[in-house]
Amino acid sequence: FPGRALERAPLPCASAILIEPTTNTVLYEQGAHELRAPASIVKMTLQLVVLREIEAGRLALTDSIRVSEWASNIGGSQAYLAAGEVFSLEELMKAIVIHSANDACAAVAEHIAGTTDGFVELMNREVQHLGLTDTRYVNVHGLDDEPTDGNVTTAYDIAQIARELIRFPKVLEWSSIEKTECRNGAFILENTNKLIGRFEGCDGLKTGYTSRAGFCLCATAERDN
């Protein structure tokens, strides 16, 4: 492993970064500290908060979560959860990681923090703990339809969140699934990351899109260790 920056022409995107996560070596960057709307990339921090709670023993993937009326009405990408339905935490995490389901995000957030706003506080506390001063969240799903200030981050911060997130083996186990059943086969979760199964070694991690944010991608891959 050379451990030095790649020499290449600028990429046709607003910002980008490539890191080797074990050493945190930056191999390429382009506008990596520019503030951007991240769309559903924010769900990586939701995942990180949940997995830390499991690691601390305060949650288990087998925990049952009842979907509220409010969570069931979240728009955008969703798993079409109905109010009153009960799922395990792992089922909802798969819906979030694989299918980017906003309704699953709201259900999980409410279960853990009581309200989604309370969970947003946990997300902001998490990035502060990581020393990421350019990231701020206002919701758990990444939608930014409101004209007010929305979620903001940078390519650099996204890479650092991903680096922390992949310490948890479950994340790459889920994010490398191309397609799986939900509700005993009544609904299919399709991975929003179309690199899975098409790019050698790709095993994650998260996509996002809104008209304000544009197309966003945090991808992970491993070849020959």
Protein backbone atom coordinates (compact mmCIF):
# COMPACT_ATOMS: atom_id res chain seq x y z
CA PHE A 1 0.00 0.00 0.00
CA PRO A 2 1.67 3.24 -1.15
CA GLY A 3 0.06 5.52 1.43
CA ARG A 4 0.23 8.54 -0.83
CA ALA A 5 -2.32 10.64 -2.66
CA LEU A 6 -3.57 9.58 -6.08
CA GLU A 7 -2.66 11.79 -9.00
CA ARG A 8 -5.67 12.25 -11.25
CA ALA A 9 -7.79 14.88 -12.97
CA PRO A 10 -10.63 16.54 -11.03
CA LEU A 11 -13.83 14.52 -10.73
CA PRO A 12 -17.13 15.79 -12.18
CA CYS A 13 -18.76 16.25 -8.77
CA ALA A 14 -19.14 18.92 -6.10
CA SER A 15 -16.88 17.22 -3.55
CA ALA A 16 -15.16 13.89 -2.99
CA ILE A 17 -12.72 12.06 -0.77
CA LEU A 18 -11.07 8.63 -0.77
CA ILE A 19 -9.53 7.23 2.40
CA GLU A 20 -7.89 4.04 3.61
CA PRO A 21 -9.84 3.52 6.85
CA THR A 22 -7.36 1.58 8.99
CA THR A 23 -4.71 4.29 8.83
CA ASN A 24 -7.12 7.12 7.89
CA THR A 25 -4.79 8.01 5.03
CA VAL A 26 -6.38 10.43 2.56
CA LEU A 27 -5.67 9.14 -0.96
CA TYR A 28 -7.69 11.73 -2.86
CA GLU A 29 -9.75 14.76 -1.99
CA GLN A 30 -11.59 17.44 -3.89
CA GLY A 31 -13.56 20.08 -2.04
CA ALA A 32 -13.71 17.64 0.86
CA HIS A 33 -14.43 20.33 3.46
CA GLU A 34 -17.14 22.17 1.55
CA LEU A 35 -20.46 22.28 3.39
CA ARG A 36 -23.12 20.23 1.60
CA ALA A 37 -26.63 18.90 2.18
CA PRO A 38 -26.17 15.12 2.67
CA ALA A 39 -29.70 13.75 2.01
CA SER A 40 -30.03 10.16 3.33
CA ILE A 41 -26.33 9.97 4.16
CA VAL A 42 -27.48 11.26 7.58
CA LYS A 43 -28.80 7.76 8.25
CA MET A 44 -25.22 6.57 8.72
CA THR A 45 -25.13 8.52 11.99
CA LEU A 46 -28.50 7.10 13.01
CA GLN A 47 -27.00 3.64 12.47
CA LEU A 48 -23.94 4.56 14.50
CA VAL A 49 -26.02 5.76 17.46
CA VAL A 50 -28.12 2.57 17.39
CA LEU A 51 -25.09 0.28 17.22
CA ARG A 52 -23.39 2.08 20.09
CA GLU A 53 -26.55 1.57 22.18
CA ILE A 54 -26.46 -2.14 21.34
CA GLU A 55 -22.75 -2.29 22.17
CA ALA A 56 -23.51 -0.69 25.55
CA GLY A 57 -26.18 -3.30 26.25
CA ARG A 58 -29.07 -0.83 26.31
CA LEU A 59 -30.62 -2.26 23.11
CA ALA A 60 -30.78 -5.61 21.33
CA LEU A 61 -31.51 -6.41 17.70
CA THR A 62 -34.33 -8.65 18.91
CA ASP A 63 -36.15 -5.75 20.63
CA SER A 64 -39.70 -5.19 19.37
CA ILE A 65 -40.65 -1.76 17.99
CA ARG A 66 -44.22 -0.61 17.39
CA VAL A 67 -44.68 1.83 14.49
CA SER A 68 -46.45 5.07 15.44
CA GLU A 69 -48.99 6.88 13.29
CA TRP A 70 -46.51 9.70 12.77
CA ALA A 71 -43.69 7.38 11.69
CA SER A 72 -45.97 5.60 9.23
CA ASN A 73 -46.72 8.89 7.46
CA ILE A 74 -43.13 9.93 6.73
CA GLY A 75 -42.69 10.56 3.01
CA GLY A 76 -39.86 9.86 0.60
CA SER A 77 -38.15 6.47 0.47
CA GLN A 78 -40.00 4.09 2.76
CA ALA A 79 -40.93 0.50 3.59
CA TYR A 80 -44.61 1.45 3.87
CA LEU A 81 -44.88 0.59 7.55
CA ALA A 82 -48.39 0.75 8.99
CA ALA A 83 -49.28 2.31 12.31
CA GLY A 84 -49.43 -0.36 15.00
CA GLU A 85 -47.22 -2.87 13.14
CA VAL A 86 -44.48 -4.41 15.26
CA PHE A 87 -41.01 -5.24 13.94
CA SER A 88 -37.73 -6.29 15.49
CA LEU A 89 -35.00 -3.67 15.64
CA GLU A 90 -32.95 -5.73 13.18
CA GLU A 91 -35.79 -5.77 10.64
CA LEU A 92 -36.05 -1.99 10.79
CA MET A 93 -32.28 -1.54 10.62
CA LYS A 94 -32.20 -3.62 7.44
CA ALA A 95 -34.92 -1.42 5.98
CA ILE A 96 -32.83 1.65 6.83
CA VAL A 97 -29.45 0.34 5.66
CA ILE A 98 -30.60 -1.48 2.51
CA HIS A 99 -33.67 0.44 1.37
CA SER A 100 -33.09 3.83 3.06
CA ALA A 101 -36.57 3.70 4.61
CA ASN A 102 -37.54 7.01 6.23
CA ASP A 103 -40.47 5.52 8.12
CA ALA A 104 -38.17 2.92 9.69
CA CYS A 105 -35.82 5.72 10.77
CA ALA A 106 -38.64 7.53 12.53
CA ALA A 107 -39.86 4.35 14.25
CA VAL A 108 -36.39 3.47 15.54
CA ALA A 109 -35.70 7.05 16.65
CA GLU A 110 -38.97 7.28 18.58
CA HIS A 111 -38.37 3.93 20.24
CA ILE A 112 -34.93 4.95 21.50
CA ALA A 113 -35.33 8.64 22.33
CA GLY A 114 -39.09 9.10 22.66
CA THR A 115 -39.19 11.60 19.81
CA THR A 116 -37.27 12.05 16.57
CA ASP A 117 -36.09 15.46 17.82
CA GLY A 118 -34.63 13.76 20.86
CA PHE A 119 -32.81 11.30 18.63
CA VAL A 120 -31.44 14.17 16.49
CA GLU A 121 -29.78 15.43 19.68
CA LEU A 122 -28.09 12.03 20.06
CA MET A 123 -26.90 12.20 16.45
CA ASN A 124 -25.43 15.67 16.92
CA ARG A 125 -23.77 14.54 20.15
CA GLU A 126 -22.25 11.59 18.26
CA VAL A 127 -20.57 13.72 15.60
CA GLN A 128 -19.35 16.13 18.27
CA HIS A 129 -17.80 13.16 20.08
CA LEU A 130 -15.99 12.31 16.82
CA GLY A 131 -14.68 15.89 16.61
CA LEU A 132 -16.60 16.68 13.42
CA THR A 133 -17.40 20.38 13.67
CA ASP A 134 -18.82 20.80 10.15
CA THR A 135 -21.75 18.40 10.59
CA ARG A 136 -25.14 19.35 12.01
CA TYR A 137 -28.44 17.46 11.81
CA VAL A 138 -32.03 18.68 12.03
CA ASN A 139 -33.81 15.37 11.27
CA VAL A 140 -33.15 11.62 11.25
CA HIS A 141 -33.88 10.83 7.59
CA GLY A 142 -32.25 13.53 5.45
CA LEU A 143 -35.32 15.02 3.78
CA ASP A 144 -34.80 18.73 3.16
CA ASP A 145 -38.04 19.93 1.60
CA GLU A 146 -38.42 22.77 4.07
CA PRO A 147 -36.93 26.18 3.11
CA THR A 148 -35.32 26.50 6.56
CA ASP A 149 -31.79 25.41 7.41
CA GLY A 150 -31.33 21.68 6.90
CA ASN A 151 -28.79 18.96 7.57
CA VAL A 152 -25.23 19.86 6.63
CA THR A 153 -21.93 17.98 6.46
CA THR A 154 -18.80 17.55 4.32
CA ALA A 155 -17.25 14.72 2.34
CA TYR A 156 -14.47 14.57 4.93
CA ASP A 157 -16.89 14.20 7.82
CA ILE A 158 -18.88 11.53 5.96
CA ALA A 159 -15.68 9.53 5.50
CA GLN A 160 -14.91 9.79 9.22
CA ILE A 161 -18.43 8.69 10.18
CA ALA A 162 -18.12 5.74 7.78
CA ARG A 163 -14.74 4.83 9.23
CA GLU A 164 -16.30 4.60 12.68
CA LEU A 165 -19.43 2.84 11.46
CA ILE A 166 -17.66 -0.05 9.75
CA ARG A 167 -16.13 -1.08 13.09
CA PHE A 168 -19.50 -2.80 13.55
CA PRO A 169 -19.59 -5.95 11.35
CA LYS A 170 -23.39 -5.91 11.11
CA VAL A 171 -23.33 -2.75 9.01
CA LEU A 172 -21.39 -4.24 6.11
CA GLU A 173 -23.37 -7.48 6.47
CA TRP A 174 -26.58 -5.50 5.87
CA SER A 175 -25.26 -2.97 3.36
CA SER A 176 -23.82 -5.67 1.07
CA ILE A 177 -27.26 -7.26 0.55
CA GLU A 178 -28.62 -6.53 -2.94
CA LYS A 179 -32.19 -7.58 -2.23
CA THR A 180 -34.07 -9.25 0.61
CA GLU A 181 -37.60 -9.93 1.81
CA CYS A 182 -39.48 -7.96 4.44
CA ARG A 183 -42.79 -8.78 6.17
CA ASN A 184 -42.39 -12.49 5.41
CA GLY A 185 -42.01 -11.81 1.71
CA ALA A 186 -44.80 -9.25 1.36
CA PHE A 187 -42.30 -6.46 0.61
CA ILE A 188 -38.89 -6.52 -1.04
CA LEU A 189 -36.05 -4.33 0.20
CA GLU A 190 -33.83 -3.37 -2.73
CA ASN A 191 -30.43 -1.84 -2.10
CA THR A 192 -30.24 1.78 -3.21
CA ASN A 193 -26.46 1.35 -3.74
CA LYS A 194 -26.23 0.01 -7.28
CA LEU A 195 -22.48 -0.63 -6.92
CA ILE A 196 -23.33 -3.69 -4.82
CA GLY A 197 -22.82 -6.77 -6.98
CA ARG A 198 -21.38 -4.69 -9.81
CA PHE A 199 -18.15 -3.24 -8.40
CA GLU A 200 -15.65 -5.83 -7.22
CA GLY A 201 -15.28 -5.82 -3.45
CA CYS A 202 -18.01 -3.23 -2.80
CA ASP A 203 -19.75 -3.96 0.50
CA GLY A 204 -21.53 -0.69 1.40
CA LEU A 205 -22.44 1.80 2.50
CA LYS A 206 -25.11 4.50 1.92
CA THR A 207 -26.69 6.60 -0.81
CA GLY A 208 -28.85 9.69 -0.75
CA TYR A 209 -30.75 12.02 -3.03
CA THR A 210 -32.83 15.16 -2.73
CA SER A 211 -33.13 18.02 -5.20
CA ARG A 212 -31.19 20.25 -2.80
CA ALA A 213 -28.42 17.74 -2.04
CA GLY A 214 -28.13 16.12 -5.48
CA PHE A 215 -26.85 12.55 -5.71
CA CYS A 216 -24.78 11.50 -2.68
CA LEU A 217 -22.78 8.33 -2.14
CA CYS A 218 -20.57 6.89 0.56
CA ALA A 219 -19.16 3.65 -0.83
CA THR A 220 -16.89 1.09 0.83
CA ALA A 221 -14.88 -1.64 -0.82
CA GLU A 222 -12.17 -4.14 0.06
CA ARG A 223 -9.89 -6.17 -2.20
CA ASP A 224 -7.05 -8.47 -1.12
CA ASN A 225 -7.52 -7.36 2.48
